[in-house]
Structure formats: C-alpha cells, structure tokens
PDB file of all heavy atoms in Angstrom:
ATOM      1  N   ARG A   1       0.795  -1.284  -0.010  1.00  0.00           N
ATOM      2  CA  ARG A   1       0.061  -0.020  -0.046  1.00  0.00           C
ATOM      3  C   ARG A   1       0.889   1.192  -0.032  1.00  0.00           C
ATOM      4  O   ARG A   1       0.527   2.232  -0.611  1.00  0.00           O
ATOM      5  CB  ARG A   1      -0.939  -0.067   1.192  1.00  0.00           C
ATOM      6  CG  ARG A   1      -1.995   1.083   1.273  1.00  0.00           C
ATOM      7  CD  ARG A   1      -2.845   1.062   0.044  1.00  0.00           C
ATOM      8  NE  ARG A   1      -4.024   2.056   0.155  1.00  0.00           N
ATOM      9  CZ  ARG A   1      -4.769   2.442  -0.787  1.00  0.00           C
ATOM     10  NH1 ARG A   1      -4.421   1.996  -2.030  1.00  0.00           N
ATOM     11  NH2 ARG A   1      -5.727   3.210  -0.555  1.00  0.00           N
ATOM     12  N   TRP A   2       2.027   1.280   0.775  1.00  0.00           N
ATOM     13  CA  TRP A   2       2.932   2.368   0.699  1.00  0.00           C
ATOM     14  C   TRP A   2       3.459   2.614  -0.611  1.00  0.00           C
ATOM     15  O   TRP A   2       3.453   3.734  -1.111  1.00  0.00           O
ATOM     16  CB  TRP A   2       4.125   1.919   1.605  1.00  0.00           C
ATOM     17  CG  TRP A   2       5.059   2.981   1.934  1.00  0.00           C
ATOM     18  CD1 TRP A   2       5.174   3.734   3.032  1.00  0.00           C
ATOM     19  CD2 TRP A   2       6.237   3.465   1.231  1.00  0.00           C
ATOM     20  NE1 TRP A   2       6.242   4.660   3.069  1.00  0.00           N
ATOM     21  CE2 TRP A   2       6.926   4.382   1.795  1.00  0.00           C
ATOM     22  CE3 TRP A   2       6.701   3.013  -0.188  1.00  0.00           C
ATOM     23  CZ2 TRP A   2       8.044   5.062   1.312  1.00  0.00           C
ATOM     24  CZ3 TRP A   2       7.880   3.627  -0.598  1.00  0.00           C
ATOM     25  CH2 TRP A   2       8.494   4.619   0.082  1.00  0.00           C
ATOM     26  N   THR A   3       3.746   1.516  -1.387  1.00  0.00           N
ATOM     27  CA  THR A   3       4.210   1.689  -2.781  1.00  0.00           C
ATOM     28  C   THR A   3       3.179   2.278  -3.675  1.00  0.00           C
ATOM     29  O   THR A   3       3.350   3.096  -4.570  1.00  0.00           O
ATOM     30  CB  THR A   3       4.717   0.408  -3.348  1.00  0.00           C
ATOM     31  OG1 THR A   3       5.754  -0.139  -2.459  1.00  0.00           O
ATOM     32  CG2 THR A   3       5.317   0.550  -4.688  1.00  0.00           C
ATOM     33  N   ASP A   4       1.903   1.675  -3.469  1.00  0.00           N
ATOM     34  CA  ASP A   4       0.786   2.261  -4.391  1.00  0.00           C
ATOM     35  C   ASP A   4       0.536   3.715  -4.108  1.00  0.00           C
ATOM     36  O   ASP A   4       0.202   4.452  -5.145  1.00  0.00           O
ATOM     37  CB  ASP A   4      -0.527   1.395  -3.816  1.00  0.00           C
ATOM     38  CG  ASP A   4      -0.518   0.004  -4.317  1.00  0.00           C
ATOM     39  OD1 ASP A   4       0.463  -0.472  -5.103  1.00  0.00           O
ATOM     40  OD2 ASP A   4      -1.379  -0.753  -3.845  1.00  0.00           O
ATOM     41  N   ILE A   5       0.593   4.175  -2.872  1.00  0.00           N
ATOM     42  CA  ILE A   5       0.426   5.595  -2.602  1.00  0.00           C
ATOM     43  C   ILE A   5       1.424   6.439  -3.316  1.00  0.00           C
ATOM     44  O   ILE A   5       1.180   7.522  -4.007  1.00  0.00           O
ATOM     45  CB  ILE A   5       0.334   5.854  -1.197  1.00  0.00           C
ATOM     46  CG1 ILE A   5      -0.820   5.144  -0.449  1.00  0.00           C
ATOM     47  CG2 ILE A   5       0.316   7.355  -0.848  1.00  0.00           C
ATOM     48  CD1 ILE A   5      -0.754   5.112   1.080  1.00  0.00           C
ATOM     49  N   ILE A   6       2.725   5.989  -3.255  1.00  0.00           N
ATOM     50  CA  ILE A   6       3.786   6.710  -3.887  1.00  0.00           C
ATOM     51  C   ILE A   6       3.549   6.849  -5.398  1.00  0.00           C
ATOM     52  O   ILE A   6       3.590   7.829  -6.152  1.00  0.00           O
ATOM     53  CB  ILE A   6       5.195   6.070  -3.591  1.00  0.00           C
ATOM     54  CG1 ILE A   6       5.683   6.412  -2.247  1.00  0.00           C
ATOM     55  CG2 ILE A   6       6.134   6.569  -4.638  1.00  0.00           C
ATOM     56  CD1 ILE A   6       6.153   7.819  -2.051  1.00  0.00           C
ATOM     57  N   SER A   7       3.192   5.610  -5.996  1.00  0.00           N
ATOM     58  CA  SER A   7       2.870   5.565  -7.466  1.00  0.00           C
ATOM     59  C   SER A   7       1.648   6.473  -7.819  1.00  0.00           C
ATOM     60  O   SER A   7       1.763   7.198  -8.816  1.00  0.00           O
ATOM     61  CB  SER A   7       2.610   4.167  -7.912  1.00  0.00           C
ATOM     62  OG  SER A   7       2.276   4.019  -9.158  1.00  0.00           O
ATOM     63  N   PHE A   8       0.671   6.429  -7.049  1.00  0.00           N
ATOM     64  CA  PHE A   8      -0.599   7.235  -7.277  1.00  0.00           C
ATOM     65  C   PHE A   8      -0.245   8.776  -7.298  1.00  0.00           C
ATOM     66  O   PHE A   8      -0.608   9.510  -8.098  1.00  0.00           O
ATOM     67  CB  PHE A   8      -1.597   6.864  -6.255  1.00  0.00           C
ATOM     68  CG  PHE A   8      -2.957   7.549  -6.382  1.00  0.00           C
ATOM     69  CD1 PHE A   8      -3.815   7.156  -7.303  1.00  0.00           C
ATOM     70  CD2 PHE A   8      -3.284   8.772  -5.662  1.00  0.00           C
ATOM     71  CE1 PHE A   8      -5.118   7.828  -7.504  1.00  0.00           C
ATOM     72  CE2 PHE A   8      -4.383   9.417  -5.871  1.00  0.00           C
ATOM     73  CZ  PHE A   8      -5.291   8.987  -6.729  1.00  0.00           C
ATOM     74  N   THR A   9       0.462   9.162  -6.225  1.00  0.00           N
ATOM     75  CA  THR A   9       0.827  10.615  -6.096  1.00  0.00           C
ATOM     76  C   THR A   9       1.698  11.064  -7.263  1.00  0.00           C
ATOM     77  O   THR A   9       1.580  12.246  -7.676  1.00  0.00           O
ATOM     78  CB  THR A   9       1.481  10.855  -4.803  1.00  0.00           C
ATOM     79  OG1 THR A   9       2.589  10.137  -4.591  1.00  0.00           O
ATOM     80  CG2 THR A   9       0.469  10.661  -3.679  1.00  0.00           C
ATOM     81  N   ILE A  10       2.715  10.264  -7.717  1.00  0.00           N
ATOM     82  CA  ILE A  10       3.455  10.627  -8.815  1.00  0.00           C
ATOM     83  C   ILE A  10       2.724  10.789 -10.057  1.00  0.00           C
ATOM     84  O   ILE A  10       2.917  11.704 -10.767  1.00  0.00           O
ATOM     85  CB  ILE A  10       4.638   9.505  -9.021  1.00  0.00           C
ATOM     86  CG1 ILE A  10       5.627   9.472  -7.885  1.00  0.00           C
ATOM     87  CG2 ILE A  10       5.273   9.682 -10.351  1.00  0.00           C
ATOM     88  CD1 ILE A  10       6.618   8.291  -7.999  1.00  0.00           C
ATOM     89  N   ASN A  11       1.749   9.766 -10.349  1.00  0.00           N
ATOM     90  CA  ASN A  11       0.913   9.982 -11.473  1.00  0.00           C
ATOM     91  C   ASN A  11       0.038  11.246 -11.471  1.00  0.00           C
ATOM     92  O   ASN A  11      -0.116  11.982 -12.428  1.00  0.00           O
ATOM     93  CB  ASN A  11       0.022   8.799 -11.568  1.00  0.00           C
ATOM     94  CG  ASN A  11       0.733   7.605 -12.211  1.00  0.00           C
ATOM     95  OD1 ASN A  11       1.312   7.663 -13.302  1.00  0.00           O
ATOM     96  ND2 ASN A  11       0.655   6.458 -11.550  1.00  0.00           N
ATOM     97  N   MET A  12      -0.503  11.595 -10.148  1.00  0.00           N
ATOM     98  CA  MET A  12      -1.269  12.827 -10.051  1.00  0.00           C
ATOM     99  C   MET A  12      -0.447  14.061 -10.330  1.00  0.00           C
ATOM    100  O   MET A  12      -0.942  14.959 -10.870  1.00  0.00           O
ATOM    101  CB  MET A  12      -1.965  12.799  -8.684  1.00  0.00           C
ATOM    102  CG  MET A  12      -2.995  11.789  -8.454  1.00  0.00           C
ATOM    103  SD  MET A  12      -4.416  11.950  -9.632  1.00  0.00           S
ATOM    104  CE  MET A  12      -4.087  10.431 -10.576  1.00  0.00           C
ATOM    105  N   GLU A  13       0.717  14.001  -9.840  1.00  0.00           N
ATOM    106  CA  GLU A  13       1.658  15.095 -10.040  1.00  0.00           C
ATOM    107  C   GLU A  13       1.995  15.392 -11.480  1.00  0.00           C
ATOM    108  O   GLU A  13       2.010  16.489 -12.016  1.00  0.00           O
ATOM    109  CB  GLU A  13       2.919  14.939  -9.230  1.00  0.00           C
ATOM    110  CG  GLU A  13       3.806  16.159  -9.168  1.00  0.00           C
ATOM    111  CD  GLU A  13       4.885  16.262 -10.163  1.00  0.00           C
ATOM    112  OE1 GLU A  13       5.171  15.233 -10.824  1.00  0.00           O
ATOM    113  OE2 GLU A  13       5.379  17.320 -10.484  1.00  0.00           O
ATOM    114  N   GLN A  14       2.187  14.268 -12.150  1.00  0.00           N
ATOM    115  CA  GLN A  14       2.439  14.399 -13.661  1.00  0.00           C
ATOM    116  C   GLN A  14       1.272  14.804 -14.436  1.00  0.00           C
ATOM    117  O   GLN A  14       1.381  15.451 -15.423  1.00  0.00           O
ATOM    118  CB  GLN A  14       3.049  13.059 -14.128  1.00  0.00           C
ATOM    119  CG  GLN A  14       4.477  12.699 -13.569  1.00  0.00           C
ATOM    120  CD  GLN A  14       4.908  11.366 -13.995  1.00  0.00           C
ATOM    121  OE1 GLN A  14       4.180  10.541 -14.377  1.00  0.00           O
ATOM    122  NE2 GLN A  14       6.199  11.165 -13.870  1.00  0.00           N
ATOM    123  N   ILE A  15       0.151  14.355 -14.102  1.00  0.00           N
ATOM    124  CA  ILE A  15      -1.112  14.719 -14.766  1.00  0.00           C
ATOM    125  C   ILE A  15      -1.356  16.289 -14.525  1.00  0.00           C
ATOM    126  O   ILE A  15      -1.762  16.963 -15.435  1.00  0.00           O
ATOM    127  CB  ILE A  15      -2.308  14.036 -14.136  1.00  0.00           C
ATOM    128  CG1 ILE A  15      -2.250  12.573 -14.606  1.00  0.00           C
ATOM    129  CG2 ILE A  15      -3.691  14.686 -14.561  1.00  0.00           C
ATOM    130  CD1 ILE A  15      -3.432  11.663 -13.925  1.00  0.00           C
ATOM    131  N   GLY A  16      -1.080  16.780 -13.261  1.00  0.00           N
ATOM    132  CA  GLY A  16      -1.169  18.149 -13.041  1.00  0.00           C
ATOM    133  C   GLY A  16      -0.255  18.983 -13.847  1.00  0.00           C
ATOM    134  O   GLY A  16      -0.679  19.977 -14.472  1.00  0.00           O
ATOM    135  N   ASP A  17       1.019  18.537 -14.061  1.00  0.00           N
ATOM    136  CA  ASP A  17       1.841  19.203 -14.973  1.00  0.00           C
ATOM    137  C   ASP A  17       1.489  19.224 -16.402  1.00  0.00           C
ATOM    138  O   ASP A  17       1.549  20.295 -17.088  1.00  0.00           O
ATOM    139  CB  ASP A  17       3.304  18.516 -14.902  1.00  0.00           C
ATOM    140  CG  ASP A  17       3.978  18.687 -13.577  1.00  0.00           C
ATOM    141  OD1 ASP A  17       3.469  19.649 -12.785  1.00  0.00           O
ATOM    142  OD2 ASP A  17       4.986  17.911 -13.146  1.00  0.00           O
ATOM    143  N   THR A  18       0.855  18.200 -16.854  1.00  0.00           N
ATOM    144  CA  THR A  18       0.286  18.067 -18.258  1.00  0.00           C
ATOM    145  C   THR A  18      -0.827  19.046 -18.500  1.00  0.00           C
ATOM    146  O   THR A  18      -0.928  19.614 -19.521  1.00  0.00           O
ATOM    147  CB  THR A  18       0.004  16.619 -18.617  1.00  0.00           C
ATOM    148  OG1 THR A  18       1.043  15.730 -18.364  1.00  0.00           O
ATOM    149  CG2 THR A  18      -0.448  16.524 -20.058  1.00  0.00           C
ATOM    150  N   VAL A  19      -1.724  19.000 -17.582  1.00  0.00           N
ATOM    151  CA  VAL A  19      -2.937  19.972 -17.592  1.00  0.00           C
ATOM    152  C   VAL A  19      -2.544  21.335 -17.610  1.00  0.00           C
ATOM    153  O   VAL A  19      -3.021  22.190 -18.320  1.00  0.00           O
ATOM    154  CB  VAL A  19      -3.825  19.604 -16.464  1.00  0.00           C
ATOM    155  CG1 VAL A  19      -4.970  20.711 -16.422  1.00  0.00           C
ATOM    156  CG2 VAL A  19      -4.436  18.300 -16.495  1.00  0.00           C
ATOM    157  N   GLU A  20      -1.399  21.627 -16.838  1.00  0.00           N
ATOM    158  CA  GLU A  20      -0.869  23.064 -16.745  1.00  0.00           C
ATOM    159  C   GLU A  20      -0.300  23.351 -18.177  1.00  0.00           C
ATOM    160  O   GLU A  20      -0.570  24.481 -18.597  1.00  0.00           O
ATOM    161  CB  GLU A  20       0.140  23.174 -15.774  1.00  0.00           C
ATOM    162  CG  GLU A  20       0.754  24.589 -15.479  1.00  0.00           C
ATOM    163  CD  GLU A  20       1.938  24.685 -14.715  1.00  0.00           C
ATOM    164  OE1 GLU A  20       2.647  23.743 -14.545  1.00  0.00           O
ATOM    165  OE2 GLU A  20       2.132  25.864 -14.130  1.00  0.00           O
ATOM    166  N   ARG A  21       0.347  22.463 -18.787  1.00  0.00           N
ATOM    167  CA  ARG A  21       0.958  22.735 -20.023  1.00  0.00           C
ATOM    168  C   ARG A  21      -0.294  22.915 -21.149  1.00  0.00           C
ATOM    169  O   ARG A  21      -0.147  23.735 -22.078  1.00  0.00           O
ATOM    170  CB  ARG A  21       1.863  21.520 -20.436  1.00  0.00           C
ATOM    171  CG  ARG A  21       2.502  21.820 -21.730  1.00  0.00           C
ATOM    172  CD  ARG A  21       3.725  20.850 -22.023  1.00  0.00           C
ATOM    173  NE  ARG A  21       3.210  19.476 -22.043  1.00  0.00           N
ATOM    174  CZ  ARG A  21       3.382  18.567 -21.209  1.00  0.00           C
ATOM    175  NH1 ARG A  21       4.004  18.802 -20.110  1.00  0.00           N
ATOM    176  NH2 ARG A  21       2.918  17.353 -21.377  1.00  0.00           N
ATOM    177  N   VAL A  22      -1.263  22.058 -21.030  1.00  0.00           N
ATOM    178  CA  VAL A  22      -2.342  22.221 -21.945  1.00  0.00           C
ATOM    179  C   VAL A  22      -3.067  23.553 -21.792  1.00  0.00           C
ATOM    180  O   VAL A  22      -3.432  24.274 -22.855  1.00  0.00           O
ATOM    181  CB  VAL A  22      -3.404  21.072 -21.672  1.00  0.00           C
ATOM    182  CG1 VAL A  22      -4.739  21.343 -22.427  1.00  0.00           C
ATOM    183  CG2 VAL A  22      -2.868  19.708 -22.178  1.00  0.00           C
ATOM    184  N   LEU A  23      -3.336  23.970 -20.558  1.00  0.00           N
ATOM    185  CA  LEU A  23      -4.013  25.320 -20.329  1.00  0.00           C
ATOM    186  C   LEU A  23      -3.020  26.487 -20.876  1.00  0.00           C
ATOM    187  O   LEU A  23      -3.587  27.418 -21.421  1.00  0.00           O
ATOM    188  CB  LEU A  23      -4.225  25.521 -18.909  1.00  0.00           C
ATOM    189  CG  LEU A  23      -5.290  24.681 -18.333  1.00  0.00           C
ATOM    190  CD1 LEU A  23      -5.158  24.647 -16.744  1.00  0.00           C
ATOM    191  CD2 LEU A  23      -6.716  25.070 -18.838  1.00  0.00           C
ATOM    192  N   LEU A  24      -1.747  26.274 -20.783  1.00  0.00           N
ATOM    193  CA  LEU A  24      -0.777  27.285 -21.218  1.00  0.00           C
ATOM    194  C   LEU A  24      -0.978  27.365 -22.769  1.00  0.00           C
ATOM    195  O   LEU A  24      -0.963  28.483 -23.328  1.00  0.00           O
ATOM    196  CB  LEU A  24       0.625  27.069 -20.835  1.00  0.00           C
ATOM    197  CG  LEU A  24       1.571  28.153 -20.983  1.00  0.00           C
ATOM    198  CD1 LEU A  24       1.103  29.342 -20.236  1.00  0.00           C
ATOM    199  CD2 LEU A  24       2.909  27.784 -20.491  1.00  0.00           C
ATOM    200  N   ASP A  25      -0.910  26.293 -23.433  1.00  0.00           N
ATOM    201  CA  ASP A  25      -1.134  26.238 -24.946  1.00  0.00           C
ATOM    202  C   ASP A  25      -2.398  26.844 -25.381  1.00  0.00           C
ATOM    203  O   ASP A  25      -2.397  27.590 -26.369  1.00  0.00           O
ATOM    204  CB  ASP A  25      -1.009  24.825 -25.404  1.00  0.00           C
ATOM    205  CG  ASP A  25       0.347  24.235 -25.412  1.00  0.00           C
ATOM    206  OD1 ASP A  25       1.279  24.980 -25.262  1.00  0.00           O
ATOM    207  OD2 ASP A  25       0.566  22.956 -25.476  1.00  0.00           O
ATOM    208  N   ILE A  26      -3.528  26.566 -24.659  1.00  0.00           N
ATOM    209  CA  ILE A  26      -4.778  27.098 -24.987  1.00  0.00           C
ATOM    210  C   ILE A  26      -4.769  28.659 -24.828  1.00  0.00           C
ATOM    211  O   ILE A  26      -5.348  29.443 -25.794  1.00  0.00           O
ATOM    212  CB  ILE A  26      -5.949  26.555 -24.066  1.00  0.00           C
ATOM    213  CG1 ILE A  26      -6.086  25.055 -24.316  1.00  0.00           C
ATOM    214  CG2 ILE A  26      -7.216  27.261 -24.277  1.00  0.00           C
ATOM    215  CD1 ILE A  26      -6.988  24.375 -23.426  1.00  0.00           C
ATOM    216  N   GLU A  27      -4.132  29.172 -23.896  1.00  0.00           N
ATOM    217  CA  GLU A  27      -4.006  30.565 -23.656  1.00  0.00           C
ATOM    218  C   GLU A  27      -3.222  31.176 -24.906  1.00  0.00           C
ATOM    219  O   GLU A  27      -3.703  32.299 -25.489  1.00  0.00           O
ATOM    220  CB  GLU A  27      -3.307  30.998 -22.362  1.00  0.00           C
ATOM    221  CG  GLU A  27      -4.039  30.582 -21.110  1.00  0.00           C
ATOM    222  CD  GLU A  27      -3.196  30.997 -19.857  1.00  0.00           C
ATOM    223  OE1 GLU A  27      -2.419  31.958 -19.947  1.00  0.00           O
ATOM    224  OE2 GLU A  27      -3.254  30.277 -18.837  1.00  0.00           O
ATOM    225  N   GLU A  28      -1.977  30.599 -25.169  1.00  0.00           N
ATOM    226  CA  GLU A  28      -1.157  31.284 -26.213  1.00  0.00           C
ATOM    227  C   GLU A  28      -1.639  31.017 -27.606  1.00  0.00           C
ATOM    228  O   GLU A  28      -1.561  31.868 -28.396  1.00  0.00           O
ATOM    229  CB  GLU A  28       0.202  30.737 -25.967  1.00  0.00           C
ATOM    230  CG  GLU A  28       0.898  31.091 -24.676  1.00  0.00           C
ATOM    231  CD  GLU A  28       2.223  30.561 -24.447  1.00  0.00           C
ATOM    232  OE1 GLU A  28       2.597  29.743 -25.252  1.00  0.00           O
ATOM    233  OE2 GLU A  28       2.993  30.942 -23.465  1.00  0.00           O
ATOM    234  N   LYS A  29      -2.185  29.839 -27.867  1.00  0.00           N
ATOM    235  CA  LYS A  29      -2.425  29.377 -29.268  1.00  0.00           C
ATOM    236  C   LYS A  29      -3.861  29.591 -29.707  1.00  0.00           C
ATOM    237  O   LYS A  29      -4.263  29.511 -30.825  1.00  0.00           O
ATOM    238  CB  LYS A  29      -2.094  27.953 -29.506  1.00  0.00           C
ATOM    239  CG  LYS A  29      -0.528  27.712 -29.337  1.00  0.00           C
ATOM    240  CD  LYS A  29      -0.190  26.275 -29.527  1.00  0.00           C
ATOM    241  CE  LYS A  29       1.270  26.013 -29.280  1.00  0.00           C
ATOM    242  NZ  LYS A  29       1.605  24.640 -29.394  1.00  0.00           N
ATOM    243  N   LYS A  30      -4.759  29.811 -28.602  1.00  0.00           N
ATOM    244  CA  LYS A  30      -6.180  29.983 -28.987  1.00  0.00           C
ATOM    245  C   LYS A  30      -6.800  31.387 -28.527  1.00  0.00           C
ATOM    246  O   LYS A  30      -7.274  32.116 -29.210  1.00  0.00           O
ATOM    247  CB  LYS A  30      -6.960  28.856 -28.382  1.00  0.00           C
ATOM    248  CG  LYS A  30      -8.460  28.946 -28.775  1.00  0.00           C
ATOM    249  CD  LYS A  30      -9.225  27.673 -28.165  1.00  0.00           C
ATOM    250  CE  LYS A  30     -10.745  27.779 -28.647  1.00  0.00           C
ATOM    251  NZ  LYS A  30     -11.433  28.809 -28.016  1.00  0.00           N
ATOM    252  N   ILE A  31      -6.779  31.550 -27.117  1.00  0.00           N
ATOM    253  CA  ILE A  31      -7.362  32.618 -26.591  1.00  0.00           C
ATOM    254  C   ILE A  31      -6.773  33.969 -27.087  1.00  0.00           C
ATOM    255  O   ILE A  31      -7.472  34.860 -27.546  1.00  0.00           O
ATOM    256  CB  ILE A  31      -7.379  32.553 -25.025  1.00  0.00           C
ATOM    257  CG1 ILE A  31      -8.172  31.273 -24.585  1.00  0.00           C
ATOM    258  CG2 ILE A  31      -8.094  33.796 -24.419  1.00  0.00           C
ATOM    259  CD1 ILE A  31      -8.160  31.116 -23.178  1.00  0.00           C
ATOM    260  N   ARG A  32      -5.422  34.091 -26.866  1.00  0.00           N
ATOM    261  CA  ARG A  32      -4.741  35.334 -27.289  1.00  0.00           C
ATOM    262  C   ARG A  32      -4.815  35.592 -28.725  1.00  0.00           C
ATOM    263  O   ARG A  32      -4.725  36.773 -29.143  1.00  0.00           O
ATOM    264  CB  ARG A  32      -3.303  35.302 -26.646  1.00  0.00           C
ATOM    265  CG  ARG A  32      -3.261  35.203 -25.152  1.00  0.00           C
ATOM    266  CD  ARG A  32      -1.847  35.355 -24.641  1.00  0.00           C
ATOM    267  NE  ARG A  32      -1.705  35.120 -23.208  1.00  0.00           N
ATOM    268  CZ  ARG A  32      -2.113  35.818 -22.284  1.00  0.00           C
ATOM    269  NH1 ARG A  32      -2.493  36.992 -22.563  1.00  0.00           N
ATOM    270  NH2 ARG A  32      -1.873  35.549 -20.917  1.00  0.00           N
ATOM    271  N   LYS A  33      -4.944  34.552 -29.533  1.00  0.00           N
ATOM    272  CA  LYS A  33      -5.039  34.714 -31.004  1.00  0.00           C
ATOM    273  C   LYS A  33      -6.323  34.740 -31.627  1.00  0.00           C
ATOM    274  O   LYS A  33      -6.583  34.916 -32.831  1.00  0.00           O
ATOM    275  CB  LYS A  33      -4.091  33.586 -31.766  1.00  0.00           C
ATOM    276  CG  LYS A  33      -2.615  33.771 -31.330  1.00  0.00           C
ATOM    277  CD  LYS A  33      -1.722  32.676 -32.172  1.00  0.00           C
ATOM    278  CE  LYS A  33      -0.315  32.911 -31.829  1.00  0.00           C
ATOM    279  NZ  LYS A  33       0.603  31.977 -32.616  1.00  0.00           N
ATOM    280  N   GLY A  34      -7.291  34.614 -30.734  1.00  0.00           N
ATOM    281  CA  GLY A  34      -8.725  34.647 -31.061  1.00  0.00           C
ATOM    282  C   GLY A  34      -9.073  33.501 -32.066  1.00  0.00           C
ATOM    283  O   GLY A  34      -9.994  33.808 -32.998  1.00  0.00           O
ATOM    284  N   ARG A  35      -8.567  32.389 -31.849  1.00  0.00           N
ATOM    285  CA  ARG A  35      -8.923  31.334 -32.870  1.00  0.00           C
ATOM    286  C   ARG A  35     -10.022  30.359 -32.243  1.00  0.00           C
ATOM    287  O   ARG A  35     -10.241  30.406 -31.051  1.00  0.00           O
ATOM    288  CB  ARG A  35      -7.697  30.451 -33.136  1.00  0.00           C
ATOM    289  CG  ARG A  35      -6.667  31.283 -33.970  1.00  0.00           C
ATOM    290  CD  ARG A  35      -5.396  30.498 -34.111  1.00  0.00           C
ATOM    291  NE  ARG A  35      -4.462  31.250 -34.983  1.00  0.00           N
ATOM    292  CZ  ARG A  35      -3.194  30.838 -35.146  1.00  0.00           C
ATOM    293  NH1 ARG A  35      -2.718  29.819 -34.527  1.00  0.00           N
ATOM    294  NH2 ARG A  35      -2.461  31.590 -35.942  1.00  0.00           N
ATOM    295  N   GLU A  36     -10.691  29.595 -32.959  1.00  0.00           N
ATOM    296  CA  GLU A  36     -11.786  28.620 -32.579  1.00  0.00           C
ATOM    297  C   GLU A  36     -11.510  27.336 -33.233  1.00  0.00           C
ATOM    298  O   GLU A  36     -11.017  27.194 -34.349  1.00  0.00           O
ATOM    299  CB  GLU A  36     -13.100  29.230 -32.937  1.00  0.00           C
ATOM    300  CG  GLU A  36     -13.430  30.549 -32.233  1.00  0.00           C
ATOM    301  CD  GLU A  36     -13.658  30.552 -30.715  1.00  0.00           C
ATOM    302  OE1 GLU A  36     -13.954  29.274 -30.244  1.00  0.00           O
ATOM    303  OE2 GLU A  36     -13.563  31.443 -30.038  1.00  0.00           O
ATOM    304  N   PHE A  37     -11.883  26.284 -32.529  1.00  0.00           N
ATOM    305  CA  PHE A  37     -11.969  24.912 -33.053  1.00  0.00           C
ATOM    306  C   PHE A  37     -13.189  24.779 -33.912  1.00  0.00           C
ATOM    307  O   PHE A  37     -14.223  25.472 -33.747  1.00  0.00           O
ATOM    308  CB  PHE A  37     -11.999  23.892 -32.005  1.00  0.00           C
ATOM    309  CG  PHE A  37     -10.739  23.748 -31.144  1.00  0.00           C
ATOM    310  CD1 PHE A  37     -10.738  24.111 -29.811  1.00  0.00           C
ATOM    311  CD2 PHE A  37      -9.601  23.226 -31.732  1.00  0.00           C
ATOM    312  CE1 PHE A  37      -9.365  23.946 -29.090  1.00  0.00           C
ATOM    313  CE2 PHE A  37      -8.408  23.147 -31.047  1.00  0.00           C
ATOM    314  CZ  PHE A  37      -8.343  23.499 -29.665  1.00  0.00           C
ATOM    315  N   SER A  38     -13.066  23.913 -34.885  1.00  0.00           N
ATOM    316  CA  SER A  38     -14.157  23.635 -35.744  1.00  0.00           C
ATOM    317  C   SER A  38     -15.241  22.836 -34.926  1.00  0.00           C
ATOM    318  O   SER A  38     -14.890  22.280 -33.846  1.00  0.00           O
ATOM    319  CB  SER A  38     -13.766  22.721 -36.892  1.00  0.00           C
ATOM    320  OG  SER A  38     -13.285  21.398 -36.484  1.00  0.00           O
TER     321      SER A  38
END
C-alpha cells in the first residue's frame, strides 16, 4: 500500500503538470490569438 500511494501521487503530479501545459497552450495558441476549433 505504501508503494501504491507513492505511485498514485507521482501519477497525479504528472497529470497536473500536463494539464498546466495544456492550459498554457490554450492561452497562447487559441485565446490570445482569437482562434476557434471547428
């Protein structure tokens, strides 16, 4: 269980980093440039 918790928190931390990068891309490549998805 100790190992499971470590693995789980690592995955959550990496998901958080990826979501942050996605949001930053949306800001720079869509919102600030006024673009829309089809």
